[in-house]
Amino acid sequence: MRTYENEKTKLRALLKHVNKVHITTDMWTSCQKLSYMVVTCHFIDSDWHLQRRVLNFCNVPPPHTGLLIADALEKCFQNWGIENKISSITVDNASSNNVAIRILKDDFRLKKTLSVSGQLFHVRCCAHITNLLVQYGLGEIRDIVDCVRDSIKYLVASESRLKQFSEIAKQLQLPSKKLILDVPTRWNSTYLMLDAAIQFK
């Protein structure tokens, strides 16, 4: 805990000398159905190097309304002393994020701390948009993806089936790539799953 406090003190001192910061934040739910939010701060240091620091990683109980998200972000900003230095916030396309950004933008407008009249305050996450586009495209081959996914689930659910599969692949002199089960909401993991599976077609 002492190391954490020391690092926090150093980062707080560093942030004191930074004029503007840019925030990225995301929320997700764990396998245990716990919701987490990460808040990352991006800024240019005095040597003109881009710096990235995680400011907060916390459990955020439901409901995940825009008001609660805005409140959690505001508390984080105040905790780090950067509430008047926020230049932009990057979030995914969740409607609750739109509400949170609107609340924060209105608050910062009242405090007169918005850069360029807030025109660049709300930044949409390009990775999230790319994921949505690719997921739409994957919909065209959904039957194939589901078949590959179900086959891999079947094989990895049993140690003996997986061992037998590996032995057959070895006998056929197929590449020794491991089977990968994707996370359906992450297109890149679906790509890796298909890329590995195609070796065994």
N, C-alpha and C. Protein backbone atom coordinates (compact mmCIF):
# COMPACT_ATOMS: atom_id res chain seq x y z
N MET A 1 0.83 -1.20 0.00
CA MET A 1 0.00 0.00 0.00
C MET A 1 0.87 1.26 0.00
N ARG A 2 2.03 1.17 0.65
CA ARG A 2 2.92 2.32 0.70
C ARG A 2 3.42 2.69 -0.70
N THR A 3 3.72 1.65 -1.50
CA THR A 3 4.18 1.89 -2.88
C THR A 3 3.11 2.63 -3.66
N TYR A 4 1.86 2.19 -3.52
CA TYR A 4 0.75 2.85 -4.20
C TYR A 4 0.67 4.33 -3.81
N GLU A 5 0.74 4.60 -2.50
CA GLU A 5 0.65 5.99 -2.02
C GLU A 5 1.81 6.83 -2.54
N ASN A 6 3.02 6.25 -2.58
CA ASN A 6 4.19 6.97 -3.11
C ASN A 6 4.01 7.30 -4.58
N GLU A 7 3.56 6.31 -5.35
CA GLU A 7 3.35 6.53 -6.79
C GLU A 7 2.23 7.54 -7.03
N LYS A 8 1.20 7.48 -6.22
CA LYS A 8 0.09 8.42 -6.35
C LYS A 8 0.57 9.84 -6.08
N THR A 9 1.40 10.01 -5.07
CA THR A 9 1.95 11.34 -4.74
C THR A 9 2.80 11.87 -5.89
N LYS A 10 3.62 11.00 -6.49
CA LYS A 10 4.46 11.41 -7.63
C LYS A 10 3.60 11.83 -8.82
N LEU A 11 2.57 11.02 -9.11
CA LEU A 11 1.72 11.34 -10.25
C LEU A 11 0.92 12.61 -10.01
N ARG A 12 0.43 12.80 -8.81
CA ARG A 12 -0.30 14.02 -8.49
C ARG A 12 0.60 15.25 -8.69
N ALA A 13 1.87 15.14 -8.27
CA ALA A 13 2.83 16.24 -8.45
C ALA A 13 3.08 16.49 -9.94
N LEU A 14 3.19 15.42 -10.71
CA LEU A 14 3.40 15.55 -12.15
C LEU A 14 2.20 16.22 -12.81
N LEU A 15 0.99 15.81 -12.42
CA LEU A 15 -0.22 16.37 -13.01
C LEU A 15 -0.43 17.85 -12.67
N LYS A 16 0.17 18.30 -11.57
CA LYS A 16 0.07 19.71 -11.20
C LYS A 16 0.67 20.61 -12.27
N HIS A 17 1.69 20.11 -12.96
CA HIS A 17 2.41 20.91 -13.95
C HIS A 17 1.91 20.69 -15.38
N VAL A 18 0.85 19.92 -15.52
CA VAL A 18 0.28 19.65 -16.83
C VAL A 18 -0.89 20.60 -17.06
N ASN A 19 -0.92 21.21 -18.24
CA ASN A 19 -1.96 22.19 -18.54
C ASN A 19 -3.30 21.53 -18.85
N LYS A 20 -3.29 20.54 -19.74
CA LYS A 20 -4.53 19.85 -20.15
C LYS A 20 -4.29 18.35 -20.16
N VAL A 21 -5.34 17.59 -19.86
CA VAL A 21 -5.28 16.13 -19.92
C VAL A 21 -6.45 15.62 -20.76
N HIS A 22 -6.25 14.45 -21.30
CA HIS A 22 -7.28 13.79 -22.09
C HIS A 22 -7.59 12.48 -21.38
N ILE A 23 -8.86 12.16 -21.29
CA ILE A 23 -9.32 11.00 -20.52
C ILE A 23 -9.90 9.95 -21.46
N THR A 24 -9.57 8.69 -21.18
CA THR A 24 -10.28 7.57 -21.81
C THR A 24 -10.88 6.75 -20.68
N THR A 25 -12.06 6.24 -20.90
CA THR A 25 -12.71 5.42 -19.88
C THR A 25 -13.54 4.33 -20.54
N ASP A 26 -13.64 3.22 -19.86
CA ASP A 26 -14.43 2.11 -20.37
C ASP A 26 -14.99 1.33 -19.19
N MET A 27 -16.09 0.67 -19.45
CA MET A 27 -16.71 -0.19 -18.43
C MET A 27 -16.91 -1.57 -19.02
N TRP A 28 -16.80 -2.58 -18.19
CA TRP A 28 -17.12 -3.94 -18.61
C TRP A 28 -17.50 -4.76 -17.40
N THR A 29 -18.07 -5.93 -17.70
CA THR A 29 -18.55 -6.82 -16.64
C THR A 29 -17.71 -8.08 -16.62
N SER A 30 -17.26 -8.46 -15.43
CA SER A 30 -16.43 -9.66 -15.27
C SER A 30 -17.28 -10.92 -15.34
N CYS A 31 -16.61 -12.07 -15.37
CA CYS A 31 -17.32 -13.37 -15.37
C CYS A 31 -18.17 -13.52 -14.11
N GLN A 32 -17.76 -12.84 -13.04
CA GLN A 32 -18.51 -12.90 -11.77
C GLN A 32 -19.65 -11.89 -11.74
N LYS A 33 -19.92 -11.25 -12.88
CA LYS A 33 -21.00 -10.27 -13.01
C LYS A 33 -20.75 -9.00 -12.19
N LEU A 34 -19.48 -8.67 -12.00
CA LEU A 34 -19.12 -7.40 -11.34
C LEU A 34 -18.75 -6.41 -12.43
N SER A 35 -19.24 -5.18 -12.31
CA SER A 35 -18.97 -4.15 -13.31
C SER A 35 -17.80 -3.29 -12.86
N TYR A 36 -16.89 -3.05 -13.80
CA TYR A 36 -15.70 -2.26 -13.51
C TYR A 36 -15.58 -1.09 -14.47
N MET A 37 -14.97 -0.03 -13.98
CA MET A 37 -14.67 1.12 -14.82
C MET A 37 -13.20 1.46 -14.66
N VAL A 38 -12.54 1.71 -15.79
CA VAL A 38 -11.16 2.17 -15.76
C VAL A 38 -11.14 3.59 -16.30
N VAL A 39 -10.33 4.44 -15.68
CA VAL A 39 -10.16 5.83 -16.12
C VAL A 39 -8.67 6.03 -16.36
N THR A 40 -8.31 6.38 -17.59
CA THR A 40 -6.91 6.59 -17.95
C THR A 40 -6.72 8.03 -18.38
N CYS A 41 -5.62 8.60 -17.94
CA CYS A 41 -5.27 10.00 -18.23
C CYS A 41 -4.13 10.02 -19.25
N HIS A 42 -4.24 10.84 -20.27
CA HIS A 42 -3.20 10.97 -21.30
C HIS A 42 -2.78 12.44 -21.33
N PHE A 43 -1.48 12.66 -21.37
CA PHE A 43 -0.98 14.04 -21.39
C PHE A 43 0.44 14.08 -21.95
N ILE A 44 0.87 15.27 -22.31
CA ILE A 44 2.23 15.50 -22.79
C ILE A 44 3.04 16.06 -21.62
N ASP A 45 4.17 15.42 -21.32
CA ASP A 45 4.99 15.90 -20.20
C ASP A 45 5.89 17.06 -20.63
N SER A 46 6.70 17.55 -19.72
CA SER A 46 7.55 18.72 -20.01
C SER A 46 8.62 18.42 -21.05
N ASP A 47 8.92 17.15 -21.29
CA ASP A 47 9.88 16.76 -22.33
C ASP A 47 9.19 16.40 -23.65
N TRP A 48 7.93 16.73 -23.75
CA TRP A 48 7.12 16.48 -24.94
C TRP A 48 6.95 14.99 -25.24
N HIS A 49 6.86 14.19 -24.20
CA HIS A 49 6.58 12.76 -24.35
C HIS A 49 5.14 12.49 -23.94
N LEU A 50 4.47 11.66 -24.73
CA LEU A 50 3.11 11.27 -24.39
C LEU A 50 3.15 10.34 -23.19
N GLN A 51 2.36 10.66 -22.19
CA GLN A 51 2.27 9.85 -20.98
C GLN A 51 0.85 9.31 -20.85
N ARG A 52 0.74 8.10 -20.35
CA ARG A 52 -0.56 7.49 -20.06
C ARG A 52 -0.51 6.92 -18.66
N ARG A 53 -1.52 7.22 -17.86
CA ARG A 53 -1.56 6.70 -16.49
C ARG A 53 -2.99 6.31 -16.13
N VAL A 54 -3.12 5.13 -15.56
CA VAL A 54 -4.42 4.71 -15.05
C VAL A 54 -4.66 5.46 -13.75
N LEU A 55 -5.75 6.20 -13.70
CA LEU A 55 -6.09 6.97 -12.50
C LEU A 55 -7.01 6.20 -11.57
N ASN A 56 -7.86 5.39 -12.16
CA ASN A 56 -8.84 4.69 -11.33
C ASN A 56 -9.25 3.39 -12.01
N PHE A 57 -9.40 2.37 -11.21
CA PHE A 57 -9.95 1.09 -11.66
C PHE A 57 -10.83 0.63 -10.52
N CYS A 58 -12.14 0.71 -10.73
CA CYS A 58 -13.03 0.47 -9.60
C CYS A 58 -14.29 -0.28 -10.00
N ASN A 59 -14.88 -0.91 -9.01
CA ASN A 59 -16.16 -1.57 -9.17
C ASN A 59 -17.24 -0.50 -9.20
N VAL A 60 -18.12 -0.58 -10.18
CA VAL A 60 -19.23 0.37 -10.30
C VAL A 60 -20.53 -0.44 -10.30
N PRO A 61 -21.22 -0.50 -9.16
CA PRO A 61 -22.45 -1.29 -9.10
C PRO A 61 -23.54 -0.70 -10.00
N PRO A 62 -24.42 -1.56 -10.52
CA PRO A 62 -25.52 -1.05 -11.35
C PRO A 62 -26.49 -0.23 -10.51
N PRO A 63 -27.32 0.57 -11.13
CA PRO A 63 -27.47 0.75 -12.56
C PRO A 63 -26.41 1.70 -13.10
N HIS A 64 -26.00 1.50 -14.35
CA HIS A 64 -24.96 2.33 -14.95
C HIS A 64 -25.59 3.48 -15.72
N THR A 65 -26.19 4.37 -14.99
CA THR A 65 -26.83 5.52 -15.62
C THR A 65 -25.78 6.56 -15.95
N GLY A 66 -26.13 7.46 -16.85
CA GLY A 66 -25.22 8.55 -17.20
C GLY A 66 -24.86 9.40 -16.00
N LEU A 67 -25.83 9.62 -15.13
CA LEU A 67 -25.59 10.43 -13.93
C LEU A 67 -24.56 9.77 -13.01
N LEU A 68 -24.68 8.46 -12.80
CA LEU A 68 -23.73 7.75 -11.93
C LEU A 68 -22.34 7.70 -12.55
N ILE A 69 -22.27 7.52 -13.87
CA ILE A 69 -20.97 7.50 -14.55
C ILE A 69 -20.32 8.88 -14.45
N ALA A 70 -21.09 9.93 -14.71
CA ALA A 70 -20.56 11.30 -14.61
C ALA A 70 -20.07 11.58 -13.20
N ASP A 71 -20.83 11.13 -12.21
CA ASP A 71 -20.45 11.33 -10.81
C ASP A 71 -19.14 10.61 -10.48
N ALA A 72 -19.01 9.36 -10.95
CA ALA A 72 -17.78 8.58 -10.69
C ALA A 72 -16.58 9.25 -11.34
N LEU A 73 -16.76 9.76 -12.56
CA LEU A 73 -15.67 10.45 -13.26
C LEU A 73 -15.30 11.75 -12.54
N GLU A 74 -16.31 12.52 -12.17
CA GLU A 74 -16.08 13.79 -11.46
C GLU A 74 -15.28 13.56 -10.17
N LYS A 75 -15.66 12.54 -9.41
CA LYS A 75 -14.94 12.23 -8.16
C LYS A 75 -13.49 11.85 -8.45
N CYS A 76 -13.29 11.08 -9.51
CA CYS A 76 -11.92 10.70 -9.90
C CYS A 76 -11.11 11.94 -10.26
N PHE A 77 -11.68 12.84 -11.06
CA PHE A 77 -10.98 14.06 -11.46
C PHE A 77 -10.61 14.90 -10.24
N GLN A 78 -11.55 15.04 -9.32
CA GLN A 78 -11.30 15.83 -8.10
C GLN A 78 -10.23 15.17 -7.24
N ASN A 79 -10.28 13.86 -7.13
CA ASN A 79 -9.30 13.12 -6.35
C ASN A 79 -7.88 13.36 -6.86
N TRP A 80 -7.74 13.53 -8.16
CA TRP A 80 -6.41 13.75 -8.75
C TRP A 80 -6.10 15.23 -8.99
N GLY A 81 -7.05 16.11 -8.69
CA GLY A 81 -6.81 17.54 -8.86
C GLY A 81 -6.76 17.98 -10.31
N ILE A 82 -7.48 17.29 -11.18
CA ILE A 82 -7.46 17.63 -12.61
C ILE A 82 -8.82 18.08 -13.12
N GLU A 83 -9.75 18.37 -12.21
CA GLU A 83 -11.12 18.70 -12.63
C GLU A 83 -11.20 19.92 -13.53
N ASN A 84 -10.18 20.79 -13.52
CA ASN A 84 -10.18 21.98 -14.38
C ASN A 84 -9.23 21.83 -15.56
N LYS A 85 -8.74 20.62 -15.80
CA LYS A 85 -7.74 20.40 -16.85
C LYS A 85 -8.21 19.45 -17.95
N ILE A 86 -9.46 19.01 -17.89
CA ILE A 86 -9.95 18.01 -18.83
C ILE A 86 -10.19 18.65 -20.19
N SER A 87 -9.51 18.14 -21.22
CA SER A 87 -9.66 18.66 -22.57
C SER A 87 -10.65 17.83 -23.38
N SER A 88 -10.57 16.50 -23.22
CA SER A 88 -11.48 15.62 -23.94
C SER A 88 -11.66 14.32 -23.17
N ILE A 89 -12.77 13.64 -23.47
CA ILE A 89 -13.05 12.33 -22.87
C ILE A 89 -13.47 11.39 -23.99
N THR A 90 -12.77 10.26 -24.08
CA THR A 90 -13.08 9.25 -25.09
C THR A 90 -13.85 8.11 -24.44
N VAL A 91 -15.01 7.80 -25.01
CA VAL A 91 -15.88 6.74 -24.49
C VAL A 91 -16.44 5.94 -25.66
N ASP A 92 -17.04 4.78 -25.35
CA ASP A 92 -17.71 4.02 -26.40
C ASP A 92 -19.10 4.62 -26.64
N ASN A 93 -19.89 3.94 -27.46
CA ASN A 93 -21.16 4.52 -27.91
C ASN A 93 -22.36 4.23 -27.01
N ALA A 94 -22.15 3.75 -25.80
CA ALA A 94 -23.27 3.45 -24.90
C ALA A 94 -24.06 4.73 -24.64
N SER A 95 -25.37 4.63 -24.64
CA SER A 95 -26.21 5.81 -24.44
C SER A 95 -25.96 6.45 -23.07
N SER A 96 -25.64 5.64 -22.07
CA SER A 96 -25.35 6.20 -20.74
C SER A 96 -24.08 7.06 -20.78
N ASN A 97 -23.14 6.71 -21.65
CA ASN A 97 -21.93 7.54 -21.80
C ASN A 97 -22.27 8.89 -22.43
N ASN A 98 -23.20 8.87 -23.39
CA ASN A 98 -23.62 10.14 -24.01
C ASN A 98 -24.20 11.07 -22.95
N VAL A 99 -25.01 10.51 -22.06
CA VAL A 99 -25.61 11.31 -20.98
C VAL A 99 -24.52 11.82 -20.04
N ALA A 100 -23.59 10.94 -19.67
CA ALA A 100 -22.50 11.32 -18.75
C ALA A 100 -21.68 12.46 -19.35
N ILE A 101 -21.35 12.35 -20.63
CA ILE A 101 -20.55 13.38 -21.28
C ILE A 101 -21.31 14.70 -21.32
N ARG A 102 -22.60 14.64 -21.60
CA ARG A 102 -23.41 15.86 -21.63
C ARG A 102 -23.42 16.54 -20.26
N ILE A 103 -23.56 15.74 -19.19
CA ILE A 103 -23.55 16.28 -17.82
C ILE A 103 -22.21 16.94 -17.52
N LEU A 104 -21.12 16.23 -17.83
CA LEU A 104 -19.78 16.77 -17.55
C LEU A 104 -19.50 18.02 -18.38
N LYS A 105 -19.91 17.98 -19.64
CA LYS A 105 -19.68 19.13 -20.52
C LYS A 105 -20.42 20.37 -20.01
N ASP A 106 -21.66 20.18 -19.58
CA ASP A 106 -22.43 21.30 -19.02
C ASP A 106 -21.76 21.84 -17.76
N ASP A 107 -21.28 20.93 -16.93
CA ASP A 107 -20.59 21.32 -15.69
C ASP A 107 -19.32 22.11 -16.00
N PHE A 108 -18.52 21.61 -16.95
CA PHE A 108 -17.27 22.29 -17.31
C PHE A 108 -17.54 23.62 -18.00
N ARG A 109 -18.65 23.68 -18.75
CA ARG A 109 -19.01 24.94 -19.42
C ARG A 109 -19.31 26.01 -18.36
N LEU A 110 -20.04 25.62 -17.30
CA LEU A 110 -20.34 26.56 -16.21
C LEU A 110 -19.06 27.03 -15.52
N LYS A 111 -18.09 26.13 -15.39
CA LYS A 111 -16.81 26.49 -14.74
C LYS A 111 -15.86 27.20 -15.69
N LYS A 112 -16.28 27.29 -16.97
CA LYS A 112 -15.47 27.92 -18.02
C LYS A 112 -14.11 27.23 -18.18
N THR A 113 -14.13 25.90 -18.17
CA THR A 113 -12.87 25.15 -18.33
C THR A 113 -12.84 24.32 -19.61
N LEU A 114 -13.82 24.52 -20.50
CA LEU A 114 -13.85 23.77 -21.76
C LEU A 114 -12.86 24.34 -22.76
N SER A 115 -12.08 23.48 -23.39
CA SER A 115 -11.18 23.90 -24.48
C SER A 115 -12.00 24.03 -25.75
N VAL A 116 -11.64 24.94 -26.60
CA VAL A 116 -12.30 25.23 -27.88
C VAL A 116 -13.82 25.07 -27.81
N SER A 117 -14.40 25.68 -26.81
CA SER A 117 -15.85 25.69 -26.59
C SER A 117 -16.45 24.28 -26.50
N GLY A 118 -15.64 23.31 -26.17
CA GLY A 118 -16.13 21.94 -26.00
C GLY A 118 -16.35 21.18 -27.28
N GLN A 119 -15.88 21.74 -28.42
CA GLN A 119 -16.10 21.08 -29.71
C GLN A 119 -15.43 19.71 -29.79
N LEU A 120 -14.32 19.54 -29.08
CA LEU A 120 -13.58 18.28 -29.12
C LEU A 120 -13.68 17.51 -27.81
N PHE A 121 -14.62 17.89 -26.97
CA PHE A 121 -14.72 17.30 -25.63
C PHE A 121 -15.12 15.83 -25.68
N HIS A 122 -16.14 15.50 -26.47
CA HIS A 122 -16.64 14.12 -26.55
C HIS A 122 -16.01 13.43 -27.76
N VAL A 123 -15.15 12.45 -27.49
CA VAL A 123 -14.50 11.70 -28.56
C VAL A 123 -15.04 10.27 -28.52
N ARG A 124 -15.48 9.80 -29.66
CA ARG A 124 -15.99 8.42 -29.73
C ARG A 124 -14.82 7.47 -29.96
N CYS A 125 -14.86 6.33 -29.30
CA CYS A 125 -13.77 5.36 -29.34
C CYS A 125 -13.72 4.67 -30.71
N CYS A 126 -12.62 4.88 -31.45
CA CYS A 126 -12.47 4.29 -32.78
C CYS A 126 -12.42 2.77 -32.71
N ALA A 127 -11.79 2.22 -31.67
CA ALA A 127 -11.72 0.76 -31.53
C ALA A 127 -13.11 0.17 -31.36
N HIS A 128 -13.96 0.86 -30.62
CA HIS A 128 -15.33 0.37 -30.42
C HIS A 128 -16.11 0.44 -31.73
N ILE A 129 -15.94 1.53 -32.46
CA ILE A 129 -16.62 1.68 -33.75
C ILE A 129 -16.15 0.61 -34.73
N THR A 130 -14.83 0.36 -34.76
CA THR A 130 -14.28 -0.70 -35.61
C THR A 130 -14.87 -2.05 -35.23
N ASN A 131 -14.96 -2.31 -33.93
CA ASN A 131 -15.54 -3.57 -33.46
C ASN A 131 -16.98 -3.72 -33.95
N LEU A 132 -17.76 -2.65 -33.87
CA LEU A 132 -19.15 -2.71 -34.34
C LEU A 132 -19.23 -3.00 -35.84
N LEU A 133 -18.34 -2.35 -36.61
CA LEU A 133 -18.32 -2.57 -38.06
C LEU A 133 -17.97 -4.02 -38.40
N VAL A 134 -16.93 -4.54 -37.74
CA VAL A 134 -16.50 -5.91 -38.02
C VAL A 134 -17.56 -6.90 -37.56
N GLN A 135 -18.18 -6.64 -36.40
CA GLN A 135 -19.25 -7.53 -35.92
C GLN A 135 -20.39 -7.58 -36.94
N TYR A 136 -20.69 -6.44 -37.54
CA TYR A 136 -21.72 -6.41 -38.57
C TYR A 136 -21.31 -7.28 -39.75
N GLY A 137 -20.05 -7.15 -40.17
CA GLY A 137 -19.53 -7.98 -41.27
C GLY A 137 -19.52 -9.45 -40.92
N LEU A 138 -19.16 -9.78 -39.68
CA LEU A 138 -19.15 -11.18 -39.25
C LEU A 138 -20.55 -11.78 -39.28
N GLY A 139 -21.55 -10.92 -39.19
CA GLY A 139 -22.94 -11.39 -39.27
C GLY A 139 -23.22 -12.10 -40.59
N GLU A 140 -22.48 -11.72 -41.64
CA GLU A 140 -22.64 -12.35 -42.95
C GLU A 140 -22.18 -13.80 -42.96
N ILE A 141 -21.26 -14.15 -42.06
CA ILE A 141 -20.77 -15.54 -41.99
C ILE A 141 -21.04 -16.14 -40.60
N ARG A 142 -22.10 -15.65 -39.97
CA ARG A 142 -22.43 -16.06 -38.60
C ARG A 142 -22.53 -17.57 -38.45
N ASP A 143 -23.14 -18.26 -39.44
CA ASP A 143 -23.30 -19.72 -39.34
C ASP A 143 -21.94 -20.41 -39.27
N ILE A 144 -21.00 -19.96 -40.08
CA ILE A 144 -19.66 -20.55 -40.09
C ILE A 144 -18.96 -20.29 -38.77
N VAL A 145 -19.01 -19.05 -38.31
CA VAL A 145 -18.35 -18.68 -37.05
C VAL A 145 -18.94 -19.49 -35.89
N ASP A 146 -20.27 -19.60 -35.85
CA ASP A 146 -20.92 -20.37 -34.78
C ASP A 146 -20.52 -21.84 -34.82
N CYS A 147 -20.41 -22.39 -36.02
CA CYS A 147 -20.02 -23.79 -36.18
C CYS A 147 -18.59 -24.02 -35.66
N VAL A 148 -17.68 -23.13 -36.04
CA VAL A 148 -16.29 -23.24 -35.57
C VAL A 148 -16.25 -23.08 -34.05
N ARG A 149 -16.95 -22.09 -33.54
CA ARG A 149 -16.97 -21.84 -32.09
C ARG A 149 -17.51 -23.06 -31.33
N ASP A 150 -18.63 -23.60 -31.81
CA ASP A 150 -19.23 -24.77 -31.15
C ASP A 150 -18.31 -25.98 -31.20
N SER A 151 -17.61 -26.15 -32.33
CA SER A 151 -16.66 -27.27 -32.45
C SER A 151 -15.52 -27.14 -31.45
N ILE A 152 -15.00 -25.93 -31.32
CA ILE A 152 -13.90 -25.71 -30.37
C ILE A 152 -14.39 -25.90 -28.94
N LYS A 153 -15.58 -25.38 -28.64
CA LYS A 153 -16.15 -25.57 -27.30
C LYS A 153 -16.27 -27.06 -26.98
N TYR A 154 -16.74 -27.83 -27.95
CA TYR A 154 -16.90 -29.27 -27.76
C TYR A 154 -15.55 -29.93 -27.47
N LEU A 155 -14.53 -29.57 -28.24
CA LEU A 155 -13.21 -30.18 -28.07
C LEU A 155 -12.56 -29.80 -26.74
N VAL A 156 -12.61 -28.53 -26.39
CA VAL A 156 -11.90 -28.08 -25.17
C VAL A 156 -12.66 -28.41 -23.90
N ALA A 157 -13.92 -28.83 -24.03
CA ALA A 157 -14.70 -29.18 -22.83
C ALA A 157 -14.26 -30.50 -22.22
N SER A 158 -13.51 -31.29 -22.99
CA SER A 158 -13.07 -32.60 -22.51
C SER A 158 -11.57 -32.76 -22.78
N GLU A 159 -10.84 -33.07 -21.73
CA GLU A 159 -9.40 -33.25 -21.88
C GLU A 159 -9.08 -34.40 -22.83
N SER A 160 -9.86 -35.48 -22.75
CA SER A 160 -9.60 -36.64 -23.62
C SER A 160 -9.90 -36.31 -25.08
N ARG A 161 -10.98 -35.55 -25.35
CA ARG A 161 -11.29 -35.15 -26.73
C ARG A 161 -10.19 -34.26 -27.29
N LEU A 162 -9.73 -33.32 -26.47
CA LEU A 162 -8.67 -32.41 -26.91
C LEU A 162 -7.38 -33.17 -27.19
N LYS A 163 -7.07 -34.14 -26.34
CA LYS A 163 -5.86 -34.95 -26.53
C LYS A 163 -5.98 -35.76 -27.82
N GLN A 164 -7.13 -36.36 -28.04
CA GLN A 164 -7.36 -37.15 -29.25
C GLN A 164 -7.25 -36.26 -30.50
N PHE A 165 -7.82 -35.07 -30.44
CA PHE A 165 -7.74 -34.12 -31.55
C PHE A 165 -6.28 -33.78 -31.85
N SER A 166 -5.50 -33.50 -30.80
CA SER A 166 -4.09 -33.14 -30.97
C SER A 166 -3.30 -34.29 -31.59
N GLU A 167 -3.60 -35.51 -31.17
CA GLU A 167 -2.89 -36.68 -31.72
C GLU A 167 -3.21 -36.88 -33.20
N ILE A 168 -4.47 -36.70 -33.57
CA ILE A 168 -4.86 -36.83 -34.98
C ILE A 168 -4.19 -35.73 -35.81
N ALA A 169 -4.18 -34.50 -35.29
CA ALA A 169 -3.53 -33.39 -35.99
C ALA A 169 -2.04 -33.68 -36.19
N LYS A 170 -1.42 -34.27 -35.19
CA LYS A 170 0.01 -34.61 -35.27
C LYS A 170 0.24 -35.69 -36.33
N GLN A 171 -0.63 -36.72 -36.36
CA GLN A 171 -0.51 -37.80 -37.34
C GLN A 171 -0.66 -37.27 -38.76
N LEU A 172 -1.54 -36.28 -38.92
CA LEU A 172 -1.77 -35.69 -40.24
C LEU A 172 -0.75 -34.60 -40.57
N GLN A 173 0.21 -34.41 -39.67
CA GLN A 173 1.27 -33.41 -39.81
C GLN A 173 0.71 -32.00 -40.03
N LEU A 174 -0.33 -31.71 -39.28
CA LEU A 174 -0.91 -30.37 -39.31
C LEU A 174 -0.12 -29.47 -38.37
N PRO A 175 -0.18 -28.17 -38.58
CA PRO A 175 0.55 -27.25 -37.70
C PRO A 175 0.16 -27.47 -36.24
N SER A 176 1.07 -27.17 -35.36
CA SER A 176 0.82 -27.41 -33.93
C SER A 176 0.17 -26.21 -33.25
N LYS A 177 -0.56 -25.43 -34.02
CA LYS A 177 -1.27 -24.29 -33.44
C LYS A 177 -2.34 -24.78 -32.47
N LYS A 178 -2.50 -24.05 -31.37
CA LYS A 178 -3.54 -24.41 -30.41
C LYS A 178 -4.88 -23.85 -30.87
N LEU A 179 -5.93 -24.54 -30.49
CA LEU A 179 -7.27 -24.02 -30.75
C LEU A 179 -7.53 -22.84 -29.82
N ILE A 180 -8.19 -21.85 -30.35
CA ILE A 180 -8.48 -20.65 -29.56
C ILE A 180 -9.99 -20.44 -29.56
N LEU A 181 -10.55 -20.28 -28.39
CA LEU A 181 -11.97 -19.96 -28.28
C LEU A 181 -12.10 -18.45 -28.14
N ASP A 182 -12.93 -17.86 -28.96
CA ASP A 182 -13.04 -16.40 -28.97
C ASP A 182 -13.93 -15.87 -27.87
N VAL A 183 -13.86 -14.56 -27.71
CA VAL A 183 -14.82 -13.80 -26.92
C VAL A 183 -15.72 -13.15 -27.98
N PRO A 184 -16.95 -13.63 -28.14
CA PRO A 184 -17.78 -13.20 -29.28
C PRO A 184 -17.92 -11.69 -29.46
N THR A 185 -17.81 -10.92 -28.40
CA THR A 185 -17.97 -9.47 -28.53
C THR A 185 -16.67 -8.78 -28.96
N ARG A 186 -15.58 -9.53 -29.10
CA ARG A 186 -14.29 -8.95 -29.50
C ARG A 186 -13.88 -9.53 -30.85
N TRP A 187 -14.00 -8.72 -31.89
CA TRP A 187 -13.76 -9.22 -33.24
C TRP A 187 -12.36 -9.78 -33.41
N ASN A 188 -11.37 -9.16 -32.75
CA ASN A 188 -10.00 -9.63 -32.94
C ASN A 188 -9.82 -11.05 -32.39
N SER A 189 -10.54 -11.39 -31.33
CA SER A 189 -10.43 -12.76 -30.81
C SER A 189 -11.14 -13.74 -31.74
N THR A 190 -12.21 -13.29 -32.42
CA THR A 190 -12.88 -14.14 -33.40
C THR A 190 -11.95 -14.38 -34.58
N TYR A 191 -11.22 -13.34 -34.99
CA TYR A 191 -10.24 -13.50 -36.07
C TYR A 191 -9.18 -14.52 -35.67
N LEU A 192 -8.64 -14.41 -34.45
CA LEU A 192 -7.61 -15.35 -33.99
C LEU A 192 -8.15 -16.77 -33.93
N MET A 193 -9.40 -16.92 -33.50
CA MET A 193 -10.03 -18.24 -33.45
C MET A 193 -10.12 -18.84 -34.85
N LEU A 194 -10.61 -18.05 -35.82
CA LEU A 194 -10.76 -18.54 -37.19
C LEU A 194 -9.40 -18.81 -37.84
N ASP A 195 -8.44 -17.94 -37.56
CA ASP A 195 -7.09 -18.09 -38.12
C ASP A 195 -6.46 -19.40 -37.64
N ALA A 196 -6.63 -19.71 -36.36
CA ALA A 196 -6.09 -20.96 -35.82
C ALA A 196 -6.87 -22.16 -36.35
N ALA A 197 -8.19 -22.03 -36.44
CA ALA A 197 -9.03 -23.16 -36.86
C ALA A 197 -8.83 -23.52 -38.32
N ILE A 198 -8.54 -22.52 -39.16
CA ILE A 198 -8.40 -22.79 -40.60
C ILE A 198 -7.23 -23.73 -40.88
N GLN A 199 -6.26 -23.77 -39.98
CA GLN A 199 -5.12 -24.68 -40.14
C GLN A 199 -5.56 -26.14 -40.06
N PHE A 200 -6.71 -26.37 -39.43
CA PHE A 200 -7.19 -27.73 -39.20
C PHE A 200 -8.33 -28.14 -40.13
N LYS A 201 -8.64 -27.30 -41.11
CA LYS A 201 -9.81 -27.61 -41.95
C LYS A 201 -9.62 -28.90 -42.70
